[in-house]
Amino acid sequence: MDAEDKLRQMGEQMEYEMDDMAELDAPRGPFSERAMNALVDAHNMVLEVMGAPKGERYPSFEGEVDEFPGRFVRELAMVKDAADEVGAELDMDLGAIADDRDVVLLAGKLEALAKDEEFREAMAREVEEDMAEDGATMAVAVMAPEDDTDEMFMARA
């Protein structure tokens, strides 16, 4: 096993453990497929505003859900953190979710957040800044091929 495979395996293990930890605080149902998918749709609307690629959207649920999956809990917490970071109001207490009514109320809050103009503008700025940083990193990588990197560091010594 090479180093890359080992790192990938360690990353997968960490993700698995984070899912387990998130499930400890996960709302427990039962929750209907309809209510959960309304929440997923609203969540995905927010992810789109946050600049997440379509391939990173949360998938729909099939059937009744007894407990929010760990990944979903983590993603919802990430949305809450992003809203807090830009000063958007998102009253979200996952521990208070007990039934479909609570799930649908949260879906409404997320949908309102996704449509909030201030949140959208703040997220657009964040995405723009991230892209500028990534572009700068890529430009440095293009300007300094690997062979020249050793020479550059040796020249500094």
C-alpha atoms as a PDB file:
ATOM      1  CA  MET A   1       0.000   0.000   0.000  1.00  0.00           C
ATOM      2  CA  ASP A   2       1.508   3.318  -1.038  1.00  0.00           C
ATOM      3  CA  ALA A   3       1.273   6.567   0.921  1.00  0.00           C
ATOM      4  CA  GLU A   4      -1.612   7.919  -1.169  1.00  0.00           C
ATOM      5  CA  ASP A   5      -3.724   4.805  -0.524  1.00  0.00           C
ATOM      6  CA  LYS A   6      -2.894   4.968   3.162  1.00  0.00           C
ATOM      7  CA  LEU A   7      -3.947   8.639   3.349  1.00  0.00           C
ATOM      8  CA  ARG A   8      -7.167   7.881   1.478  1.00  0.00           C
ATOM      9  CA  GLN A   9      -7.901   5.013   3.868  1.00  0.00           C
ATOM     10  CA  MET A  10      -7.205   7.234   6.890  1.00  0.00           C
ATOM     11  CA  GLY A  11      -9.514   9.902   5.454  1.00  0.00           C
ATOM     12  CA  GLU A  12     -12.291   7.367   4.934  1.00  0.00           C
ATOM     13  CA  GLN A  13     -11.849   6.120   8.504  1.00  0.00           C
ATOM     14  CA  MET A  14     -12.021   9.671   9.871  1.00  0.00           C
ATOM     15  CA  GLU A  15     -15.182  10.350   7.845  1.00  0.00           C
ATOM     16  CA  TYR A  16     -16.726   7.134   9.174  1.00  0.00           C
ATOM     17  CA  GLU A  17     -15.887   8.139  12.764  1.00  0.00           C
ATOM     18  CA  MET A  18     -17.255  11.655  12.215  1.00  0.00           C
ATOM     19  CA  ASP A  19     -20.492  10.138  10.911  1.00  0.00           C
ATOM     20  CA  ASP A  20     -20.697   8.010  14.060  1.00  0.00           C
ATOM     21  CA  MET A  21     -20.167  11.065  16.276  1.00  0.00           C
ATOM     22  CA  ALA A  22     -22.754  13.101  14.332  1.00  0.00           C
ATOM     23  CA  GLU A  23     -25.284  10.304  14.688  1.00  0.00           C
ATOM     24  CA  LEU A  24     -25.058  10.609  18.472  1.00  0.00           C
ATOM     25  CA  ASP A  25     -26.759  14.013  18.195  1.00  0.00           C
ATOM     26  CA  ALA A  26     -28.934  13.065  15.221  1.00  0.00           C
ATOM     27  CA  PRO A  27     -32.688  13.628  15.387  1.00  0.00           C
ATOM     28  CA  ARG A  28     -34.615  10.402  15.778  1.00  0.00           C
ATOM     29  CA  GLY A  29     -37.976   9.793  14.134  1.00  0.00           C
ATOM     30  CA  PRO A  30     -39.728   8.213  12.458  1.00  0.00           C
ATOM     31  CA  PHE A  31     -39.768  10.854   9.720  1.00  0.00           C
ATOM     32  CA  SER A  32     -41.669  10.487   6.466  1.00  0.00           C
ATOM     33  CA  GLU A  33     -39.913  10.323   3.127  1.00  0.00           C
ATOM     34  CA  ARG A  34     -41.885  13.376   1.982  1.00  0.00           C
ATOM     35  CA  ALA A  35     -40.802  15.548   4.927  1.00  0.00           C
ATOM     36  CA  MET A  36     -37.171  14.424   4.706  1.00  0.00           C
ATOM     37  CA  ASN A  37     -36.997  15.076   0.979  1.00  0.00           C
ATOM     38  CA  ALA A  38     -38.468  18.544   1.488  1.00  0.00           C
ATOM     39  CA  LEU A  39     -35.575  19.135   3.890  1.00  0.00           C
ATOM     40  CA  VAL A  40     -33.068  17.660   1.429  1.00  0.00           C
ATOM     41  CA  ASP A  41     -34.385  19.905  -1.361  1.00  0.00           C
ATOM     42  CA  ALA A  42     -34.077  23.008   0.831  1.00  0.00           C
ATOM     43  CA  HIS A  43     -30.639  21.913   2.040  1.00  0.00           C
ATOM     44  CA  ASN A  44     -29.481  21.431  -1.547  1.00  0.00           C
ATOM     45  CA  MET A  45     -30.782  24.913  -2.425  1.00  0.00           C
ATOM     46  CA  VAL A  46     -28.503  26.327   0.284  1.00  0.00           C
ATOM     47  CA  LEU A  47     -25.574  24.202  -0.909  1.00  0.00           C
ATOM     48  CA  GLU A  48     -26.053  25.614  -4.401  1.00  0.00           C
ATOM     49  CA  VAL A  49     -25.948  29.169  -3.013  1.00  0.00           C
ATOM     50  CA  MET A  50     -22.789  28.202  -1.123  1.00  0.00           C
ATOM     51  CA  GLY A  51     -21.162  27.161  -4.407  1.00  0.00           C
ATOM     52  CA  ALA A  52     -21.144  23.397  -3.930  1.00  0.00           C
ATOM     53  CA  PRO A  53     -20.843  21.451  -7.192  1.00  0.00           C
ATOM     54  CA  LYS A  54     -23.966  19.544  -8.249  1.00  0.00           C
ATOM     55  CA  GLY A  55     -22.185  16.249  -7.556  1.00  0.00           C
ATOM     56  CA  GLU A  56     -21.895  17.185  -3.882  1.00  0.00           C
ATOM     57  CA  ARG A  57     -25.629  17.644  -3.308  1.00  0.00           C
ATOM     58  CA  TYR A  58     -27.291  15.430  -0.729  1.00  0.00           C
ATOM     59  CA  PRO A  59     -29.281  12.555  -2.275  1.00  0.00           C
ATOM     60  CA  SER A  60     -32.998  12.059  -1.744  1.00  0.00           C
ATOM     61  CA  PHE A  61     -34.299   9.611   0.817  1.00  0.00           C
ATOM     62  CA  GLU A  62     -36.215   6.498  -0.118  1.00  0.00           C
ATOM     63  CA  GLY A  63     -38.722   5.446   2.494  1.00  0.00           C
ATOM     64  CA  GLU A  64     -39.228   6.396   6.110  1.00  0.00           C
ATOM     65  CA  VAL A  65     -36.211   7.618   8.078  1.00  0.00           C
ATOM     66  CA  ASP A  66     -35.709   6.593  11.712  1.00  0.00           C
ATOM     67  CA  GLU A  67     -32.641   8.736  12.320  1.00  0.00           C
ATOM     68  CA  PHE A  68     -30.858  11.507  10.430  1.00  0.00           C
ATOM     69  CA  PRO A  69     -27.699  10.041   8.848  1.00  0.00           C
ATOM     70  CA  GLY A  70     -24.404  11.337  10.218  1.00  0.00           C
ATOM     71  CA  ARG A  71     -23.368  12.914   6.932  1.00  0.00           C
ATOM     72  CA  PHE A  72     -26.648  14.832   6.756  1.00  0.00           C
ATOM     73  CA  VAL A  73     -26.243  16.079  10.330  1.00  0.00           C
ATOM     74  CA  ARG A  74     -22.691  17.241   9.515  1.00  0.00           C
ATOM     75  CA  GLU A  75     -23.854  19.028   6.382  1.00  0.00           C
ATOM     76  CA  LEU A  76     -26.684  20.764   8.218  1.00  0.00           C
ATOM     77  CA  ALA A  77     -24.204  21.872  10.890  1.00  0.00           C
ATOM     78  CA  MET A  78     -21.938  23.192   8.133  1.00  0.00           C
ATOM     79  CA  VAL A  79     -24.823  25.260   6.741  1.00  0.00           C
ATOM     80  CA  LYS A  80     -25.544  26.641  10.214  1.00  0.00           C
ATOM     81  CA  ASP A  81     -21.864  27.561  10.638  1.00  0.00           C
ATOM     82  CA  ALA A  82     -21.793  29.294   7.249  1.00  0.00           C
ATOM     83  CA  ALA A  83     -24.935  31.260   8.091  1.00  0.00           C
ATOM     84  CA  ASP A  84     -23.475  32.298  11.450  1.00  0.00           C
ATOM     85  CA  GLU A  85     -20.185  33.276   9.829  1.00  0.00           C
ATOM     86  CA  VAL A  86     -21.838  35.764   7.470  1.00  0.00           C
ATOM     87  CA  GLY A  87     -24.340  37.047  10.026  1.00  0.00           C
ATOM     88  CA  ALA A  88     -27.423  35.413   8.499  1.00  0.00           C
ATOM     89  CA  GLU A  89     -30.129  34.351  10.897  1.00  0.00           C
ATOM     90  CA  LEU A  90     -30.773  30.610  10.987  1.00  0.00           C
ATOM     91  CA  ASP A  91     -32.541  29.291  14.046  1.00  0.00           C
ATOM     92  CA  MET A  92     -31.714  25.594  13.811  1.00  0.00           C
ATOM     93  CA  ASP A  93     -31.734  23.216  16.754  1.00  0.00           C
ATOM     94  CA  LEU A  94     -31.397  19.658  15.497  1.00  0.00           C
ATOM     95  CA  GLY A  95     -31.947  18.349  19.024  1.00  0.00           C
ATOM     96  CA  ALA A  96     -35.468  19.780  18.981  1.00  0.00           C
ATOM     97  CA  ILE A  97     -36.555  17.889  15.863  1.00  0.00           C
ATOM     98  CA  ALA A  98     -39.009  15.207  16.901  1.00  0.00           C
ATOM     99  CA  ASP A  99     -41.519  14.801  14.087  1.00  0.00           C
ATOM    100  CA  ASP A 100     -42.377  15.643  10.475  1.00  0.00           C
ATOM    101  CA  ARG A 101     -43.709  19.064  11.466  1.00  0.00           C
ATOM    102  CA  ASP A 102     -40.292  20.006  12.871  1.00  0.00           C
ATOM    103  CA  VAL A 103     -38.551  18.691   9.746  1.00  0.00           C
ATOM    104  CA  VAL A 104     -40.815  20.742   7.465  1.00  0.00           C
ATOM    105  CA  LEU A 105     -40.283  23.856   9.608  1.00  0.00           C
ATOM    106  CA  LEU A 106     -36.521  23.444   9.267  1.00  0.00           C
ATOM    107  CA  ALA A 107     -36.929  22.953   5.515  1.00  0.00           C
ATOM    108  CA  GLY A 108     -38.779  26.272   5.385  1.00  0.00           C
ATOM    109  CA  LYS A 109     -35.998  28.000   7.317  1.00  0.00           C
ATOM    110  CA  LEU A 110     -33.364  26.615   4.955  1.00  0.00           C
ATOM    111  CA  GLU A 111     -35.394  27.621   1.911  1.00  0.00           C
ATOM    112  CA  ALA A 112     -35.750  31.146   3.311  1.00  0.00           C
ATOM    113  CA  LEU A 113     -31.990  31.241   3.925  1.00  0.00           C
ATOM    114  CA  ALA A 114     -31.300  30.134   0.334  1.00  0.00           C
ATOM    115  CA  LYS A 115     -33.497  32.987  -0.924  1.00  0.00           C
ATOM    116  CA  ASP A 116     -32.121  35.601   1.489  1.00  0.00           C
ATOM    117  CA  GLU A 117     -30.391  38.239  -0.629  1.00  0.00           C
ATOM    118  CA  GLU A 118     -27.785  39.147   1.997  1.00  0.00           C
ATOM    119  CA  PHE A 119     -26.836  35.485   2.475  1.00  0.00           C
ATOM    120  CA  ARG A 120     -26.637  34.965  -1.293  1.00  0.00           C
ATOM    121  CA  GLU A 121     -24.363  38.001  -1.699  1.00  0.00           C
ATOM    122  CA  ALA A 122     -22.130  36.946   1.203  1.00  0.00           C
ATOM    123  CA  MET A 123     -21.811  33.418  -0.176  1.00  0.00           C
ATOM    124  CA  ALA A 124     -21.047  34.772  -3.657  1.00  0.00           C
ATOM    125  CA  ARG A 125     -18.207  36.817  -2.146  1.00  0.00           C
ATOM    126  CA  GLU A 126     -16.925  33.723  -0.274  1.00  0.00           C
ATOM    127  CA  VAL A 127     -17.003  31.614  -3.439  1.00  0.00           C
ATOM    128  CA  GLU A 128     -15.282  34.389  -5.399  1.00  0.00           C
ATOM    129  CA  GLU A 129     -12.552  34.693  -2.755  1.00  0.00           C
ATOM    130  CA  ASP A 130     -12.050  30.915  -2.704  1.00  0.00           C
ATOM    131  CA  MET A 131     -11.764  30.838  -6.480  1.00  0.00           C
ATOM    132  CA  ALA A 132      -9.264  33.716  -6.419  1.00  0.00           C
ATOM    133  CA  GLU A 133      -7.167  31.844  -3.834  1.00  0.00           C
ATOM    134  CA  ASP A 134      -7.339  28.642  -5.866  1.00  0.00           C
ATOM    135  CA  GLY A 135      -6.413  30.570  -9.009  1.00  0.00           C
ATOM    136  CA  ALA A 136      -3.419  32.125  -7.275  1.00  0.00           C
ATOM    137  CA  THR A 137      -2.276  28.708  -6.085  1.00  0.00           C
ATOM    138  CA  MET A 138      -2.672  27.282  -9.575  1.00  0.00           C
ATOM    139  CA  ALA A 139      -0.768  30.220 -11.081  1.00  0.00           C
ATOM    140  CA  VAL A 140       2.117  29.635  -8.689  1.00  0.00           C
ATOM    141  CA  ALA A 141       2.138  25.948  -9.591  1.00  0.00           C
ATOM    142  CA  VAL A 142       2.190  26.768 -13.293  1.00  0.00           C
ATOM    143  CA  MET A 143       4.900  29.394 -12.898  1.00  0.00           C
ATOM    144  CA  ALA A 144       7.152  27.165 -10.800  1.00  0.00           C
ATOM    145  CA  PRO A 145       7.516  23.742 -12.382  1.00  0.00           C
ATOM    146  CA  GLU A 146       8.743  21.032 -10.057  1.00  0.00           C
ATOM    147  CA  ASP A 147      12.276  21.010 -11.532  1.00  0.00           C
ATOM    148  CA  ASP A 148      12.700  24.732 -10.886  1.00  0.00           C
ATOM    149  CA  THR A 149      11.344  24.506  -7.327  1.00  0.00           C
ATOM    150  CA  ASP A 150      14.497  22.796  -6.025  1.00  0.00           C
ATOM    151  CA  GLU A 151      16.664  25.415  -7.716  1.00  0.00           C
ATOM    152  CA  MET A 152      14.535  28.212  -6.227  1.00  0.00           C
ATOM    153  CA  PHE A 153      14.906  26.852  -2.687  1.00  0.00           C
ATOM    154  CA  MET A 154      18.624  26.230  -3.146  1.00  0.00           C
ATOM    155  CA  ALA A 155      19.074  29.830  -4.318  1.00  0.00           C
ATOM    156  CA  ARG A 156      17.451  31.060  -1.101  1.00  0.00           C
ATOM    157  CA  ALA A 157      19.733  29.017   1.149  1.00  0.00           C
END
